N, C-alpha and C. Protein backbone atom coordinates (compact mmCIF):
# COMPACT_ATOMS: atom_id res chain seq x y z
N MET A 1 -11.45 -0.03 12.15
CA MET A 1 -10.54 -0.30 11.01
C MET A 1 -9.30 -1.17 11.51
N LYS A 2 -9.18 -2.23 10.94
CA LYS A 2 -8.07 -3.28 11.29
C LYS A 2 -7.15 -3.32 10.06
N ILE A 3 -5.96 -2.92 10.26
CA ILE A 3 -4.92 -2.92 9.24
C ILE A 3 -4.36 -4.32 9.08
N LEU A 4 -4.41 -4.89 7.83
CA LEU A 4 -3.90 -6.15 7.54
C LEU A 4 -2.40 -6.21 7.02
N LEU A 5 -2.13 -5.23 6.10
CA LEU A 5 -0.78 -5.09 5.54
C LEU A 5 -0.44 -3.69 5.40
N LYS A 6 0.91 -3.40 5.58
CA LYS A 6 1.38 -2.07 5.45
C LYS A 6 2.58 -2.09 4.46
N ASN A 7 2.67 -0.98 3.72
CA ASN A 7 3.71 -0.81 2.76
C ASN A 7 4.75 0.20 3.29
N LYS A 8 5.69 -0.29 4.26
CA LYS A 8 6.67 0.55 4.81
C LYS A 8 7.63 1.20 3.87
N ARG A 9 7.96 0.42 2.84
CA ARG A 9 8.97 0.93 1.86
C ARG A 9 8.38 2.13 1.14
N ALA A 10 7.12 2.30 0.95
CA ALA A 10 6.58 3.38 0.20
C ALA A 10 6.78 4.72 0.87
N PHE A 11 6.73 4.71 2.31
CA PHE A 11 6.98 5.90 3.07
C PHE A 11 8.45 6.29 3.04
N PHE A 12 9.39 5.31 2.77
CA PHE A 12 10.82 5.56 2.77
C PHE A 12 11.16 6.11 1.39
N ASP A 13 10.67 5.53 0.27
CA ASP A 13 11.03 5.81 -0.95
C ASP A 13 10.28 6.96 -1.58
N TYR A 14 9.18 7.33 -1.08
CA TYR A 14 8.30 8.43 -1.72
C TYR A 14 7.76 9.36 -0.61
N GLU A 15 7.61 10.57 -0.98
CA GLU A 15 6.98 11.64 -0.11
C GLU A 15 5.44 11.58 -0.54
N ILE A 16 4.65 11.06 0.45
CA ILE A 16 3.28 10.94 0.21
C ILE A 16 2.61 12.22 0.33
N LEU A 17 1.84 12.72 -0.67
CA LEU A 17 1.13 13.98 -0.67
C LEU A 17 -0.26 13.94 -0.37
N GLU A 18 -0.90 12.87 -0.77
CA GLU A 18 -2.41 12.72 -0.58
C GLU A 18 -2.73 11.28 -0.52
N THR A 19 -3.84 10.93 0.24
CA THR A 19 -4.22 9.62 0.37
C THR A 19 -5.72 9.45 0.04
N PHE A 20 -6.07 8.21 -0.48
CA PHE A 20 -7.40 7.91 -0.80
C PHE A 20 -7.76 6.52 -0.32
N LYS A 21 -9.00 6.29 -0.02
CA LYS A 21 -9.53 4.87 0.36
C LYS A 21 -10.27 4.39 -0.86
N ALA A 22 -10.09 3.15 -1.22
CA ALA A 22 -10.73 2.53 -2.38
C ALA A 22 -11.00 1.07 -2.04
N GLY A 23 -11.94 0.47 -2.68
CA GLY A 23 -12.24 -0.96 -2.68
C GLY A 23 -11.29 -1.66 -3.58
N ILE A 24 -11.25 -3.01 -3.40
CA ILE A 24 -10.36 -3.77 -4.28
C ILE A 24 -11.12 -5.00 -4.74
N PHE A 25 -10.99 -5.51 -5.89
CA PHE A 25 -11.73 -6.56 -6.46
C PHE A 25 -10.93 -7.86 -6.21
N LEU A 26 -11.42 -8.81 -5.35
CA LEU A 26 -10.73 -9.97 -4.91
C LEU A 26 -11.44 -11.30 -5.12
N ALA A 27 -10.85 -12.34 -5.26
CA ALA A 27 -11.45 -13.71 -5.15
C ALA A 27 -11.67 -14.16 -3.78
N GLY A 28 -12.43 -15.12 -3.50
CA GLY A 28 -12.76 -15.60 -2.22
C GLY A 28 -11.52 -16.18 -1.45
N LYS A 29 -10.70 -16.88 -2.09
CA LYS A 29 -9.51 -17.47 -1.43
C LYS A 29 -8.48 -16.30 -1.12
N GLU A 30 -8.46 -15.24 -1.95
CA GLU A 30 -7.63 -14.18 -1.67
C GLU A 30 -8.07 -13.42 -0.38
N VAL A 31 -9.32 -13.27 -0.16
CA VAL A 31 -9.81 -12.57 1.05
C VAL A 31 -9.44 -13.38 2.30
N LYS A 32 -9.60 -14.76 2.24
CA LYS A 32 -9.15 -15.55 3.35
C LYS A 32 -7.65 -15.35 3.62
N SER A 33 -6.82 -15.36 2.58
CA SER A 33 -5.50 -15.13 2.68
C SER A 33 -5.04 -13.79 3.31
N LEU A 34 -5.77 -12.80 2.93
CA LEU A 34 -5.45 -11.48 3.41
C LEU A 34 -5.90 -11.39 4.94
N LYS A 35 -7.03 -11.97 5.26
CA LYS A 35 -7.49 -11.99 6.70
C LYS A 35 -6.46 -12.70 7.58
N ASN A 36 -5.67 -13.59 7.02
CA ASN A 36 -4.60 -14.28 7.72
C ASN A 36 -3.27 -13.47 7.68
N LYS A 37 -3.38 -12.20 7.16
CA LYS A 37 -2.20 -11.23 7.09
C LYS A 37 -1.12 -11.78 6.16
N ARG A 38 -1.45 -12.49 5.11
CA ARG A 38 -0.53 -12.91 4.10
C ARG A 38 -0.66 -12.16 2.79
N GLY A 39 0.40 -11.56 2.41
CA GLY A 39 0.44 -10.73 1.24
C GLY A 39 1.69 -9.82 1.22
N LYS A 40 1.94 -9.22 0.10
CA LYS A 40 3.18 -8.40 -0.04
C LYS A 40 2.74 -7.26 -0.87
N LEU A 41 2.88 -6.06 -0.27
CA LEU A 41 2.69 -4.74 -0.98
C LEU A 41 3.92 -4.12 -1.56
N GLU A 42 5.11 -4.52 -1.06
CA GLU A 42 6.34 -3.96 -1.46
C GLU A 42 6.45 -4.13 -2.91
N GLY A 43 6.90 -2.97 -3.68
CA GLY A 43 7.07 -3.15 -5.07
C GLY A 43 5.87 -3.00 -5.95
N SER A 44 4.59 -2.88 -5.23
CA SER A 44 3.42 -2.73 -6.09
C SER A 44 3.07 -1.24 -6.29
N TYR A 45 2.24 -1.10 -7.36
CA TYR A 45 1.88 0.33 -7.71
C TYR A 45 0.54 0.18 -8.53
N ALA A 46 -0.14 1.30 -8.59
CA ALA A 46 -1.40 1.36 -9.30
C ALA A 46 -1.20 2.02 -10.67
N HIS A 47 -1.95 1.59 -11.70
CA HIS A 47 -1.87 1.96 -12.99
C HIS A 47 -3.20 2.23 -13.62
N ILE A 48 -3.34 3.40 -14.28
CA ILE A 48 -4.65 3.75 -14.86
C ILE A 48 -4.72 3.40 -16.29
N GLN A 49 -5.73 2.68 -16.77
CA GLN A 49 -5.91 2.29 -18.12
C GLN A 49 -7.45 2.46 -18.50
N LYS A 50 -7.68 3.24 -19.40
CA LYS A 50 -9.07 3.33 -19.96
C LYS A 50 -10.04 3.71 -18.91
N GLU A 51 -9.72 4.62 -17.99
CA GLU A 51 -10.61 5.05 -16.97
C GLU A 51 -10.80 3.99 -15.93
N GLU A 52 -9.88 3.11 -15.75
CA GLU A 52 -9.98 2.04 -14.67
C GLU A 52 -8.56 1.99 -14.06
N ILE A 53 -8.54 1.72 -12.84
CA ILE A 53 -7.29 1.68 -11.99
C ILE A 53 -6.99 0.16 -11.65
N TYR A 54 -5.77 -0.27 -11.94
CA TYR A 54 -5.38 -1.60 -11.59
C TYR A 54 -4.22 -1.57 -10.71
N LEU A 55 -4.10 -2.57 -9.86
CA LEU A 55 -3.03 -2.67 -8.85
C LEU A 55 -2.11 -3.76 -9.42
N ILE A 56 -0.84 -3.45 -9.62
CA ILE A 56 0.14 -4.31 -10.29
C ILE A 56 1.18 -4.68 -9.25
N ASN A 57 1.64 -5.94 -9.29
CA ASN A 57 2.67 -6.59 -8.43
C ASN A 57 2.16 -6.63 -6.95
N PHE A 58 0.90 -6.78 -6.77
CA PHE A 58 0.43 -7.05 -5.38
C PHE A 58 0.29 -8.54 -5.23
N SER A 59 1.06 -9.17 -4.46
CA SER A 59 1.16 -10.48 -4.37
C SER A 59 0.36 -11.03 -3.10
N ILE A 60 -0.52 -11.95 -3.37
CA ILE A 60 -1.31 -12.62 -2.34
C ILE A 60 -1.21 -14.07 -2.57
N PRO A 61 -0.49 -14.81 -1.59
CA PRO A 61 -0.28 -16.26 -1.72
C PRO A 61 -1.65 -16.91 -1.70
N VAL A 62 -1.69 -18.07 -2.38
CA VAL A 62 -3.09 -18.88 -2.40
C VAL A 62 -3.30 -19.46 -1.06
N TYR A 63 -4.56 -19.30 -0.53
CA TYR A 63 -5.00 -19.95 0.64
C TYR A 63 -5.25 -21.39 0.46
N GLN A 64 -4.57 -22.18 1.23
CA GLN A 64 -4.49 -23.62 1.14
C GLN A 64 -4.94 -24.24 2.40
N PRO A 65 -6.21 -24.52 2.86
CA PRO A 65 -6.44 -25.07 4.13
C PRO A 65 -6.01 -26.56 4.27
N LYS A 66 -6.16 -27.33 3.22
CA LYS A 66 -5.81 -28.68 3.32
C LYS A 66 -4.86 -29.05 2.22
N ASN A 67 -3.94 -28.01 1.87
CA ASN A 67 -2.90 -28.30 0.78
C ASN A 67 -3.49 -28.58 -0.57
N ILE A 68 -4.65 -28.05 -0.82
CA ILE A 68 -5.34 -28.30 -2.15
C ILE A 68 -4.92 -27.12 -3.05
N LEU A 69 -4.52 -27.40 -4.27
CA LEU A 69 -4.01 -26.41 -5.22
C LEU A 69 -5.15 -25.51 -5.54
N GLY A 70 -4.90 -24.10 -5.52
CA GLY A 70 -5.91 -23.16 -5.88
C GLY A 70 -5.89 -22.81 -7.31
N GLN A 71 -6.96 -22.16 -7.67
CA GLN A 71 -7.12 -21.68 -9.11
C GLN A 71 -6.64 -20.25 -9.38
N VAL A 72 -6.36 -19.51 -8.31
CA VAL A 72 -6.09 -18.02 -8.37
C VAL A 72 -4.57 -17.84 -8.51
N GLU A 73 -4.16 -16.92 -9.41
CA GLU A 73 -2.66 -16.64 -9.47
C GLU A 73 -2.44 -15.67 -8.33
N SER A 74 -1.21 -15.78 -7.75
CA SER A 74 -0.89 -15.01 -6.72
C SER A 74 -0.50 -13.52 -7.13
N ASP A 75 -0.02 -13.38 -8.35
CA ASP A 75 0.49 -12.01 -8.77
C ASP A 75 -0.31 -11.42 -9.83
N ARG A 76 -1.58 -11.70 -9.92
CA ARG A 76 -2.31 -11.20 -10.94
C ARG A 76 -2.67 -9.66 -10.71
N THR A 77 -3.10 -9.01 -11.79
CA THR A 77 -3.44 -7.56 -11.57
C THR A 77 -4.90 -7.48 -11.02
N ARG A 78 -5.03 -6.66 -10.02
CA ARG A 78 -6.45 -6.50 -9.39
C ARG A 78 -7.05 -5.16 -9.69
N LYS A 79 -8.29 -5.16 -9.77
CA LYS A 79 -8.89 -3.88 -10.11
C LYS A 79 -9.25 -3.12 -8.88
N ILE A 80 -8.99 -1.69 -8.86
CA ILE A 80 -9.35 -0.91 -7.77
C ILE A 80 -10.67 -0.31 -8.03
N LEU A 81 -11.53 -0.18 -7.06
CA LEU A 81 -12.92 0.29 -7.26
C LEU A 81 -12.97 1.74 -6.72
N LEU A 82 -13.09 2.58 -7.65
CA LEU A 82 -13.25 4.09 -7.43
C LEU A 82 -14.32 4.59 -8.41
N THR A 83 -14.92 5.70 -8.02
CA THR A 83 -15.88 6.40 -8.99
C THR A 83 -15.09 7.06 -10.30
N LYS A 84 -15.75 7.26 -11.32
CA LYS A 84 -15.16 7.80 -12.45
C LYS A 84 -14.69 9.14 -12.22
N LYS A 85 -15.38 9.91 -11.41
CA LYS A 85 -14.93 11.19 -11.04
C LYS A 85 -13.54 11.28 -10.26
N GLU A 86 -13.55 10.36 -9.27
CA GLU A 86 -12.22 10.16 -8.60
C GLU A 86 -11.08 9.79 -9.43
N ILE A 87 -11.38 8.92 -10.36
CA ILE A 87 -10.33 8.43 -11.32
C ILE A 87 -9.83 9.49 -12.20
N LYS A 88 -10.72 10.28 -12.65
CA LYS A 88 -10.34 11.45 -13.58
C LYS A 88 -9.53 12.50 -12.85
N SER A 89 -9.86 12.72 -11.54
CA SER A 89 -9.13 13.76 -10.84
C SER A 89 -7.74 13.16 -10.50
N LEU A 90 -7.68 11.87 -10.15
CA LEU A 90 -6.39 11.20 -9.95
C LEU A 90 -5.44 11.26 -11.24
N LEU A 91 -6.07 10.99 -12.31
CA LEU A 91 -5.36 10.92 -13.59
C LEU A 91 -4.78 12.29 -13.95
N GLY A 92 -5.57 13.43 -13.66
CA GLY A 92 -5.05 14.75 -13.88
C GLY A 92 -3.89 15.08 -13.04
N LYS A 93 -3.99 14.72 -11.74
CA LYS A 93 -2.93 15.02 -10.85
C LYS A 93 -1.65 14.26 -11.17
N ILE A 94 -1.78 12.97 -11.55
CA ILE A 94 -0.64 12.20 -11.91
C ILE A 94 0.08 12.72 -13.14
N LYS A 95 -0.67 13.03 -14.24
CA LYS A 95 -0.04 13.65 -15.42
C LYS A 95 0.54 15.02 -15.25
N GLU A 96 -0.12 15.81 -14.39
CA GLU A 96 0.27 17.21 -14.27
C GLU A 96 1.56 17.32 -13.43
N LYS A 97 1.64 16.66 -12.31
CA LYS A 97 2.69 16.77 -11.39
C LYS A 97 3.65 15.60 -11.46
N LYS A 98 3.45 14.65 -12.39
CA LYS A 98 4.40 13.51 -12.52
C LYS A 98 4.49 12.72 -11.07
N LEU A 99 3.37 12.31 -10.63
CA LEU A 99 3.30 11.61 -9.37
C LEU A 99 3.08 10.12 -9.59
N THR A 100 3.30 9.31 -8.55
CA THR A 100 3.08 7.88 -8.62
C THR A 100 1.97 7.52 -7.72
N LEU A 101 1.02 6.63 -8.07
CA LEU A 101 -0.04 6.08 -7.23
C LEU A 101 0.43 4.79 -6.64
N LEU A 102 0.48 4.69 -5.27
CA LEU A 102 0.97 3.62 -4.50
C LEU A 102 -0.01 3.10 -3.51
N PRO A 103 0.00 1.81 -3.34
CA PRO A 103 -0.76 1.27 -2.20
C PRO A 103 -0.09 1.40 -0.88
N LEU A 104 -0.67 1.90 0.12
CA LEU A 104 -0.07 2.14 1.46
C LEU A 104 -0.40 1.10 2.45
N ASN A 105 -1.70 0.83 2.62
CA ASN A 105 -2.22 -0.13 3.48
C ASN A 105 -3.35 -0.94 2.92
N VAL A 106 -3.57 -2.14 3.48
CA VAL A 106 -4.72 -2.80 3.12
C VAL A 106 -5.45 -3.16 4.59
N PHE A 107 -6.71 -2.81 4.54
CA PHE A 107 -7.42 -2.87 5.92
C PHE A 107 -8.78 -3.33 5.75
N ILE A 108 -9.52 -3.72 6.79
CA ILE A 108 -10.84 -4.01 6.77
C ILE A 108 -11.67 -2.87 7.37
N GLU A 109 -12.66 -2.43 6.72
CA GLU A 109 -13.59 -1.40 7.15
C GLU A 109 -15.12 -1.83 6.92
N LYS A 110 -15.80 -2.03 7.98
CA LYS A 110 -17.21 -2.42 7.96
C LYS A 110 -17.32 -3.79 7.22
N GLY A 111 -16.40 -4.71 7.51
CA GLY A 111 -16.49 -5.97 6.83
C GLY A 111 -16.00 -6.13 5.40
N LYS A 112 -15.53 -4.96 4.88
CA LYS A 112 -14.94 -5.02 3.52
C LYS A 112 -13.52 -4.77 3.39
N ILE A 113 -12.86 -5.56 2.53
CA ILE A 113 -11.32 -5.11 2.51
C ILE A 113 -11.09 -4.02 1.51
N LYS A 114 -10.41 -3.01 1.99
CA LYS A 114 -10.11 -1.84 1.21
C LYS A 114 -8.61 -1.65 1.20
N VAL A 115 -8.21 -0.71 0.35
CA VAL A 115 -6.84 -0.43 0.14
C VAL A 115 -6.71 1.16 0.15
N GLU A 116 -5.73 1.57 0.90
CA GLU A 116 -5.40 3.07 0.97
C GLU A 116 -4.29 3.36 -0.12
N LEU A 117 -4.67 4.21 -1.07
CA LEU A 117 -3.75 4.58 -2.12
C LEU A 117 -3.18 5.96 -1.76
N GLY A 118 -1.93 6.22 -2.09
CA GLY A 118 -1.29 7.47 -1.88
C GLY A 118 -0.69 8.03 -3.08
N LEU A 119 -0.73 9.33 -3.30
CA LEU A 119 -0.04 9.97 -4.43
C LEU A 119 1.30 10.29 -3.83
N GLY A 120 2.33 9.83 -4.51
CA GLY A 120 3.69 10.07 -4.06
C GLY A 120 4.59 10.58 -4.98
N LYS A 121 5.55 11.39 -4.46
CA LYS A 121 6.67 11.89 -5.31
C LYS A 121 7.92 11.29 -4.87
N GLY A 122 8.74 10.71 -5.83
CA GLY A 122 9.91 10.04 -5.33
C GLY A 122 10.95 10.84 -4.71
N LYS A 123 11.55 10.22 -3.65
CA LYS A 123 12.59 10.92 -2.86
C LYS A 123 13.93 10.70 -3.63
N ARG A 124 14.74 11.68 -3.36
CA ARG A 124 16.20 11.47 -3.94
C ARG A 124 16.97 10.79 -2.75
N ASN A 125 18.19 10.38 -3.03
CA ASN A 125 19.06 9.73 -2.08
C ASN A 125 19.43 10.67 -0.84
N ILE A 126 19.51 11.83 -1.09
CA ILE A 126 19.80 12.78 -0.06
C ILE A 126 18.71 12.92 0.95
N ASP A 127 17.47 12.94 0.42
CA ASP A 127 16.35 12.96 1.33
C ASP A 127 16.23 11.64 2.07
N LYS A 128 16.58 10.60 1.53
CA LYS A 128 16.52 9.38 2.22
C LYS A 128 17.48 9.29 3.35
N ARG A 129 18.63 9.79 3.13
CA ARG A 129 19.68 9.90 4.21
C ARG A 129 19.18 10.70 5.31
N GLU A 130 18.58 11.88 5.04
CA GLU A 130 18.00 12.68 6.10
C GLU A 130 17.02 11.93 6.95
N THR A 131 16.06 11.12 6.28
CA THR A 131 15.16 10.35 6.96
C THR A 131 15.74 9.38 7.88
N ILE A 132 16.87 8.74 7.47
CA ILE A 132 17.51 7.63 8.33
C ILE A 132 18.17 8.48 9.51
N LYS A 133 18.86 9.56 9.22
CA LYS A 133 19.40 10.39 10.37
C LYS A 133 18.44 10.74 11.35
N LYS A 134 17.25 11.20 10.96
CA LYS A 134 16.19 11.66 11.86
C LYS A 134 15.66 10.52 12.67
N ARG A 135 15.43 9.35 12.01
CA ARG A 135 14.97 8.20 12.74
C ARG A 135 15.97 7.75 13.74
N GLU A 136 17.26 7.80 13.45
CA GLU A 136 18.32 7.32 14.41
C GLU A 136 18.40 8.25 15.55
N SER A 137 18.24 9.57 15.30
CA SER A 137 18.26 10.51 16.48
C SER A 137 17.15 10.34 17.37
N ASP A 138 15.98 10.16 16.81
CA ASP A 138 14.81 9.84 17.63
C ASP A 138 14.93 8.56 18.49
N ILE A 139 15.55 7.59 17.93
CA ILE A 139 15.80 6.36 18.73
C ILE A 139 16.69 6.68 19.85
N GLU A 140 17.74 7.44 19.71
CA GLU A 140 18.79 7.74 20.59
C GLU A 140 18.16 8.62 21.73
N MET A 141 17.26 9.61 21.38
CA MET A 141 16.55 10.40 22.38
C MET A 141 15.64 9.65 23.22
N GLU A 142 15.01 8.58 22.72
CA GLU A 142 14.06 7.80 23.44
C GLU A 142 14.91 6.95 24.48
N ARG A 143 16.04 6.46 24.09
CA ARG A 143 16.86 5.63 24.98
C ARG A 143 17.41 6.59 26.10
N ALA A 144 17.82 7.78 25.77
CA ALA A 144 18.27 8.67 26.83
C ALA A 144 17.15 8.94 27.78
N MET A 145 15.88 9.20 27.29
CA MET A 145 14.83 9.48 28.17
C MET A 145 14.46 8.31 29.11
N LYS A 146 14.61 7.08 28.62
CA LYS A 146 14.35 5.87 29.42
C LYS A 146 15.35 5.78 30.53
N LYS A 147 16.71 6.11 30.21
CA LYS A 147 17.73 5.99 31.24
C LYS A 147 17.53 7.10 32.24
N MET A 148 17.07 8.23 31.95
CA MET A 148 16.80 9.29 32.89
C MET A 148 15.66 9.03 33.78
N SER A 149 14.67 8.25 33.34
CA SER A 149 13.55 7.92 34.12
C SER A 149 13.75 6.94 35.22
N PHE A 150 14.74 6.16 35.08
CA PHE A 150 15.06 5.15 36.05
C PHE A 150 15.89 5.64 37.12
């Protein structure tokens, strides 16, 4: 499994409760662009409509090998490929617990590009501050350990 894109902001803004792997419907030029690790997951989310899941605000710039204009829009909505049973269970969890469905990673698995979706609950500002404090204390501890080893 080779990770192409990560949504670091999702882990900061949301508490991820559960994750799912799913396929994504892409055009050929979008696949080439993603394999070059070009794309933006920040600010994107998944939306369920009529028993289908769509990824909104997932930006993939057009692949231009010789500066030829492409036919694919970079910010179009893309369909997520899941079974109807999985979609119904996700829909129930989202409505019941008021959760958000977010893309966490885009990766290659067995030659296919897939997306990892996470069910997340929004963090409050207090929780975000605690996350920052914990991260800073971990960095300080690592620095202290490095100084002691020399």
